[in-house]
Amino acid sequence: MTADSVVETTDGLILSDAAAAKVRILLEAEGRDDLTLRVAVQPGGCSGLKYQLFFDDRKMDGDVLKDFGGVQVVTDRMSAPYLGGATIDFVDSIEKQGFTIDNPNATGSCACGDSFS
């Protein structure tokens, strides 16, 4: 893959400061400097589509790349339209701990918050 096949952008997905800090901690624990946070949308879940967040060392043709203070976030070209304007945050409270996604493109979601339509 050539560098031309990865698009760096300033719009699209948003990673909050809290989420970026948590990703940075998790990446340090992995002990590798070649990983990015990949955010994808896949068919499934109780509402039709589900989010996937994972560390990835692959670079795919058409990937959309954003940098958040040294944290590289990549989205494949098929998922990017579903994630434009979506904000990934990290919540750490007595009731819940984990990443949350607030997506203005979702017309509906399930109670678990892991899938949307």
N, C-alpha and C. Protein backbone atom coordinates (compact mmCIF):
# COMPACT_ATOMS: atom_id res chain seq x y z
N MET A 1 0.84 -1.18 0.00
CA MET A 1 0.00 0.00 0.00
C MET A 1 0.88 1.24 0.00
N THR A 2 0.50 2.22 -0.73
CA THR A 2 1.26 3.45 -0.78
C THR A 2 0.69 4.46 0.20
N ALA A 3 1.49 5.46 0.50
CA ALA A 3 1.04 6.50 1.43
C ALA A 3 -0.14 7.26 0.85
N ASP A 4 -0.28 7.26 -0.47
CA ASP A 4 -1.39 7.98 -1.12
C ASP A 4 -2.74 7.34 -0.82
N SER A 5 -2.74 6.08 -0.39
CA SER A 5 -4.01 5.39 -0.18
C SER A 5 -4.57 5.61 1.23
N VAL A 6 -3.83 6.33 2.07
CA VAL A 6 -4.32 6.68 3.40
C VAL A 6 -4.58 8.18 3.41
N VAL A 7 -5.79 8.56 3.79
CA VAL A 7 -6.18 9.96 3.80
C VAL A 7 -6.15 10.48 5.22
N GLU A 8 -5.36 11.53 5.45
CA GLU A 8 -5.35 12.17 6.77
C GLU A 8 -6.35 13.31 6.73
N THR A 9 -7.18 13.40 7.78
CA THR A 9 -8.27 14.37 7.77
C THR A 9 -8.38 15.07 9.11
N THR A 10 -9.03 16.23 9.10
CA THR A 10 -9.30 16.95 10.34
C THR A 10 -10.78 16.90 10.70
N ASP A 11 -11.61 16.36 9.80
CA ASP A 11 -13.03 16.23 10.13
C ASP A 11 -13.34 14.77 10.41
N GLY A 12 -14.60 14.45 10.60
CA GLY A 12 -14.98 13.06 10.86
C GLY A 12 -15.05 12.73 12.33
N LEU A 13 -14.51 11.62 12.69
CA LEU A 13 -14.54 11.08 14.04
C LEU A 13 -13.82 12.00 15.03
N ILE A 14 -14.34 12.08 16.25
CA ILE A 14 -13.74 12.90 17.31
C ILE A 14 -13.40 12.00 18.48
N LEU A 15 -12.20 12.14 19.01
CA LEU A 15 -11.76 11.39 20.19
C LEU A 15 -11.58 12.40 21.31
N SER A 16 -12.34 12.23 22.41
CA SER A 16 -12.24 13.17 23.52
C SER A 16 -10.87 13.06 24.18
N ASP A 17 -10.52 14.06 24.97
CA ASP A 17 -9.24 14.03 25.69
C ASP A 17 -9.17 12.83 26.63
N ALA A 18 -10.29 12.52 27.30
CA ALA A 18 -10.31 11.39 28.23
C ALA A 18 -10.10 10.07 27.48
N ALA A 19 -10.73 9.94 26.32
CA ALA A 19 -10.57 8.73 25.52
C ALA A 19 -9.14 8.62 24.98
N ALA A 20 -8.59 9.73 24.52
CA ALA A 20 -7.21 9.72 24.02
C ALA A 20 -6.23 9.32 25.12
N ALA A 21 -6.46 9.83 26.33
CA ALA A 21 -5.59 9.48 27.46
C ALA A 21 -5.67 7.99 27.77
N LYS A 22 -6.87 7.42 27.75
CA LYS A 22 -7.05 5.99 28.02
C LYS A 22 -6.41 5.15 26.92
N VAL A 23 -6.59 5.54 25.67
CA VAL A 23 -5.98 4.82 24.56
C VAL A 23 -4.46 4.85 24.68
N ARG A 24 -3.92 6.01 25.05
CA ARG A 24 -2.47 6.15 25.23
C ARG A 24 -1.97 5.18 26.31
N ILE A 25 -2.69 5.05 27.41
CA ILE A 25 -2.33 4.12 28.49
C ILE A 25 -2.37 2.68 27.99
N LEU A 26 -3.42 2.34 27.26
CA LEU A 26 -3.56 0.98 26.73
C LEU A 26 -2.47 0.66 25.71
N LEU A 27 -2.13 1.64 24.87
CA LEU A 27 -1.06 1.43 23.90
C LEU A 27 0.28 1.23 24.58
N GLU A 28 0.55 2.00 25.63
CA GLU A 28 1.80 1.84 26.38
C GLU A 28 1.87 0.45 26.99
N ALA A 29 0.73 -0.07 27.46
CA ALA A 29 0.69 -1.41 28.05
C ALA A 29 0.98 -2.48 26.99
N GLU A 30 0.60 -2.21 25.74
CA GLU A 30 0.87 -3.15 24.65
C GLU A 30 2.36 -3.22 24.35
N GLY A 31 3.07 -2.12 24.61
CA GLY A 31 4.51 -2.10 24.38
C GLY A 31 4.93 -2.08 22.92
N ARG A 32 4.03 -1.62 22.06
CA ARG A 32 4.34 -1.54 20.64
C ARG A 32 4.06 -0.12 20.15
N ASP A 33 4.87 0.34 19.21
CA ASP A 33 4.66 1.69 18.69
C ASP A 33 4.12 1.69 17.26
N ASP A 34 3.71 0.52 16.76
CA ASP A 34 3.19 0.42 15.41
C ASP A 34 1.68 0.25 15.35
N LEU A 35 1.00 0.43 16.48
CA LEU A 35 -0.45 0.20 16.54
C LEU A 35 -1.24 1.50 16.45
N THR A 36 -2.39 1.43 15.81
CA THR A 36 -3.34 2.53 15.79
C THR A 36 -4.65 2.01 16.38
N LEU A 37 -5.50 2.92 16.80
CA LEU A 37 -6.85 2.54 17.23
C LEU A 37 -7.71 2.51 15.98
N ARG A 38 -8.22 1.34 15.65
CA ARG A 38 -9.10 1.21 14.49
C ARG A 38 -10.54 1.22 14.99
N VAL A 39 -11.36 2.08 14.38
CA VAL A 39 -12.78 2.17 14.68
C VAL A 39 -13.52 1.75 13.43
N ALA A 40 -14.38 0.73 13.57
CA ALA A 40 -15.09 0.20 12.41
C ALA A 40 -16.56 0.02 12.74
N VAL A 41 -17.36 -0.02 11.70
CA VAL A 41 -18.78 -0.32 11.80
C VAL A 41 -18.99 -1.62 11.03
N GLN A 42 -19.63 -2.59 11.69
CA GLN A 42 -19.87 -3.90 11.09
C GLN A 42 -21.35 -4.25 11.19
N PRO A 43 -21.84 -5.07 10.27
CA PRO A 43 -23.22 -5.55 10.40
C PRO A 43 -23.35 -6.40 11.67
N GLY A 44 -24.48 -6.27 12.35
CA GLY A 44 -24.73 -7.08 13.53
C GLY A 44 -25.33 -6.27 14.66
N GLY A 45 -25.41 -6.88 15.81
CA GLY A 45 -26.00 -6.22 16.96
C GLY A 45 -27.52 -6.22 16.86
N CYS A 46 -28.18 -5.82 17.91
CA CYS A 46 -29.64 -5.87 17.93
C CYS A 46 -30.28 -4.73 17.13
N SER A 47 -29.50 -3.72 16.73
CA SER A 47 -30.06 -2.62 15.94
C SER A 47 -29.60 -2.62 14.48
N GLY A 48 -28.79 -3.60 14.09
CA GLY A 48 -28.40 -3.71 12.69
C GLY A 48 -26.92 -3.47 12.42
N LEU A 49 -26.31 -2.52 13.13
CA LEU A 49 -24.89 -2.22 12.97
C LEU A 49 -24.25 -2.17 14.35
N LYS A 50 -22.96 -2.53 14.42
CA LYS A 50 -22.26 -2.47 15.70
C LYS A 50 -20.89 -1.84 15.51
N TYR A 51 -20.41 -1.23 16.58
CA TYR A 51 -19.09 -0.61 16.58
C TYR A 51 -18.04 -1.63 16.96
N GLN A 52 -16.85 -1.47 16.39
CA GLN A 52 -15.70 -2.25 16.80
C GLN A 52 -14.55 -1.29 17.02
N LEU A 53 -13.90 -1.40 18.17
CA LEU A 53 -12.71 -0.63 18.49
C LEU A 53 -11.63 -1.63 18.84
N PHE A 54 -10.49 -1.53 18.17
CA PHE A 54 -9.39 -2.45 18.46
C PHE A 54 -8.08 -1.86 17.96
N PHE A 55 -6.98 -2.37 18.51
CA PHE A 55 -5.66 -1.93 18.05
C PHE A 55 -5.29 -2.74 16.82
N ASP A 56 -4.70 -2.05 15.85
CA ASP A 56 -4.40 -2.68 14.58
C ASP A 56 -3.07 -2.18 14.06
N ASP A 57 -2.31 -3.08 13.44
CA ASP A 57 -1.06 -2.68 12.81
C ASP A 57 -1.18 -2.67 11.29
N ARG A 58 -2.37 -2.96 10.78
CA ARG A 58 -2.59 -2.99 9.33
C ARG A 58 -2.90 -1.60 8.79
N LYS A 59 -2.53 -1.40 7.56
CA LYS A 59 -2.91 -0.20 6.82
C LYS A 59 -3.66 -0.68 5.59
N MET A 60 -4.90 -0.24 5.45
CA MET A 60 -5.72 -0.68 4.32
C MET A 60 -5.96 0.47 3.35
N ASP A 61 -6.14 0.11 2.10
CA ASP A 61 -6.39 1.09 1.06
C ASP A 61 -7.66 1.89 1.39
N GLY A 62 -7.54 3.19 1.38
CA GLY A 62 -8.69 4.05 1.65
C GLY A 62 -8.90 4.39 3.10
N ASP A 63 -8.01 3.94 3.99
CA ASP A 63 -8.14 4.28 5.41
C ASP A 63 -8.16 5.78 5.61
N VAL A 64 -8.95 6.22 6.59
CA VAL A 64 -9.01 7.62 6.99
C VAL A 64 -8.30 7.72 8.34
N LEU A 65 -7.27 8.54 8.41
CA LEU A 65 -6.41 8.65 9.59
C LEU A 65 -6.57 10.01 10.25
N LYS A 66 -6.68 9.99 11.58
CA LYS A 66 -6.70 11.23 12.36
C LYS A 66 -5.74 11.09 13.52
N ASP A 67 -5.12 12.18 13.90
CA ASP A 67 -4.20 12.19 15.02
C ASP A 67 -4.79 13.03 16.14
N PHE A 68 -4.81 12.47 17.34
CA PHE A 68 -5.32 13.17 18.53
C PHE A 68 -4.19 13.20 19.56
N GLY A 69 -3.32 14.20 19.45
CA GLY A 69 -2.24 14.35 20.40
C GLY A 69 -1.31 13.14 20.45
N GLY A 70 -1.01 12.58 19.31
CA GLY A 70 -0.13 11.43 19.24
C GLY A 70 -0.84 10.10 19.20
N VAL A 71 -2.15 10.09 19.41
CA VAL A 71 -2.93 8.86 19.30
C VAL A 71 -3.49 8.81 17.87
N GLN A 72 -3.07 7.81 17.12
CA GLN A 72 -3.52 7.64 15.75
C GLN A 72 -4.81 6.83 15.73
N VAL A 73 -5.85 7.39 15.10
CA VAL A 73 -7.14 6.70 14.97
C VAL A 73 -7.41 6.52 13.48
N VAL A 74 -7.71 5.29 13.10
CA VAL A 74 -7.94 4.98 11.69
C VAL A 74 -9.33 4.36 11.52
N THR A 75 -9.96 4.72 10.42
CA THR A 75 -11.28 4.21 10.07
C THR A 75 -11.23 3.75 8.62
N ASP A 76 -11.80 2.59 8.34
CA ASP A 76 -11.80 2.13 6.95
C ASP A 76 -12.80 2.97 6.15
N ARG A 77 -12.61 2.98 4.85
CA ARG A 77 -13.43 3.85 3.99
C ARG A 77 -14.90 3.50 3.99
N MET A 78 -15.27 2.26 4.29
CA MET A 78 -16.68 1.88 4.34
C MET A 78 -17.34 2.36 5.64
N SER A 79 -16.58 2.40 6.73
CA SER A 79 -17.13 2.81 8.03
C SER A 79 -17.16 4.32 8.20
N ALA A 80 -16.26 5.03 7.54
CA ALA A 80 -16.12 6.48 7.75
C ALA A 80 -17.43 7.25 7.60
N PRO A 81 -18.27 6.98 6.58
CA PRO A 81 -19.51 7.75 6.47
C PRO A 81 -20.46 7.57 7.66
N TYR A 82 -20.42 6.43 8.31
CA TYR A 82 -21.28 6.18 9.47
C TYR A 82 -20.76 6.88 10.72
N LEU A 83 -19.49 7.32 10.70
CA LEU A 83 -18.86 7.84 11.91
C LEU A 83 -18.56 9.33 11.85
N GLY A 84 -18.94 10.01 10.77
CA GLY A 84 -18.69 11.44 10.65
C GLY A 84 -19.38 12.22 11.76
N GLY A 85 -18.63 12.94 12.55
CA GLY A 85 -19.18 13.72 13.66
C GLY A 85 -19.39 12.93 14.94
N ALA A 86 -19.12 11.63 14.92
CA ALA A 86 -19.28 10.81 16.12
C ALA A 86 -18.15 11.11 17.10
N THR A 87 -18.48 11.12 18.39
CA THR A 87 -17.50 11.39 19.44
C THR A 87 -17.30 10.15 20.29
N ILE A 88 -16.04 9.72 20.41
CA ILE A 88 -15.68 8.62 21.29
C ILE A 88 -15.17 9.23 22.58
N ASP A 89 -15.75 8.80 23.69
CA ASP A 89 -15.35 9.29 25.00
C ASP A 89 -15.01 8.09 25.88
N PHE A 90 -14.35 8.35 26.99
CA PHE A 90 -14.10 7.30 27.98
C PHE A 90 -14.73 7.73 29.29
N VAL A 91 -15.59 6.86 29.83
CA VAL A 91 -16.31 7.15 31.07
C VAL A 91 -15.78 6.23 32.15
N ASP A 92 -15.51 6.79 33.31
CA ASP A 92 -15.05 6.01 34.46
C ASP A 92 -15.81 6.50 35.69
N SER A 93 -16.96 5.86 35.92
CA SER A 93 -17.79 6.24 37.06
C SER A 93 -18.17 4.99 37.84
N ILE A 94 -18.88 5.18 38.92
CA ILE A 94 -19.33 4.05 39.73
C ILE A 94 -20.33 3.18 38.96
N GLU A 95 -21.04 3.78 38.02
CA GLU A 95 -22.05 3.05 37.26
C GLU A 95 -21.52 2.37 36.01
N LYS A 96 -20.48 2.96 35.41
CA LYS A 96 -20.01 2.46 34.12
C LYS A 96 -18.56 2.81 33.90
N GLN A 97 -17.84 1.90 33.27
CA GLN A 97 -16.48 2.20 32.85
C GLN A 97 -16.30 1.67 31.43
N GLY A 98 -15.81 2.51 30.56
CA GLY A 98 -15.54 2.07 29.20
C GLY A 98 -15.71 3.20 28.20
N PHE A 99 -15.50 2.83 26.95
CA PHE A 99 -15.63 3.78 25.86
C PHE A 99 -17.10 3.92 25.47
N THR A 100 -17.50 5.13 25.17
CA THR A 100 -18.85 5.41 24.69
C THR A 100 -18.74 6.11 23.34
N ILE A 101 -19.75 5.94 22.51
CA ILE A 101 -19.78 6.60 21.21
C ILE A 101 -21.09 7.35 21.08
N ASP A 102 -20.98 8.65 20.90
CA ASP A 102 -22.15 9.49 20.65
C ASP A 102 -22.14 9.79 19.15
N ASN A 103 -23.07 9.18 18.43
CA ASN A 103 -23.06 9.25 16.98
C ASN A 103 -24.32 9.96 16.46
N PRO A 104 -24.15 11.16 15.88
CA PRO A 104 -25.31 11.89 15.36
C PRO A 104 -25.92 11.22 14.13
N ASN A 105 -25.22 10.27 13.51
CA ASN A 105 -25.73 9.57 12.33
C ASN A 105 -26.67 8.43 12.69
N ALA A 106 -26.66 8.01 13.94
CA ALA A 106 -27.50 6.88 14.37
C ALA A 106 -28.95 7.34 14.50
N THR A 107 -29.84 6.63 13.83
CA THR A 107 -31.26 6.95 13.93
C THR A 107 -31.93 6.18 15.04
N GLY A 108 -31.27 5.17 15.55
CA GLY A 108 -31.77 4.38 16.66
C GLY A 108 -30.63 3.58 17.25
N SER A 109 -30.80 3.16 18.49
CA SER A 109 -29.78 2.33 19.13
C SER A 109 -30.47 1.41 20.13
N CYS A 110 -29.73 0.41 20.57
CA CYS A 110 -30.29 -0.53 21.53
C CYS A 110 -29.93 -0.09 22.94
N ALA A 111 -30.48 -0.73 23.92
CA ALA A 111 -30.26 -0.36 25.32
C ALA A 111 -28.80 -0.55 25.73
N CYS A 112 -28.11 -1.53 25.13
CA CYS A 112 -26.72 -1.78 25.53
C CYS A 112 -25.78 -0.71 25.00
N GLY A 113 -26.17 0.03 23.97
CA GLY A 113 -25.34 1.10 23.43
C GLY A 113 -24.25 0.62 22.49
N ASP A 114 -24.20 -0.69 22.23
CA ASP A 114 -23.16 -1.24 21.37
C ASP A 114 -23.56 -1.33 19.92
N SER A 115 -24.84 -1.16 19.62
CA SER A 115 -25.27 -1.24 18.23
C SER A 115 -26.20 -0.08 17.91
N PHE A 116 -26.36 0.18 16.61
CA PHE A 116 -27.18 1.31 16.18
C PHE A 116 -27.73 1.03 14.80
N SER A 117 -28.63 1.90 14.37
CA SER A 117 -29.16 1.82 13.01
C SER A 117 -29.10 3.18 12.36
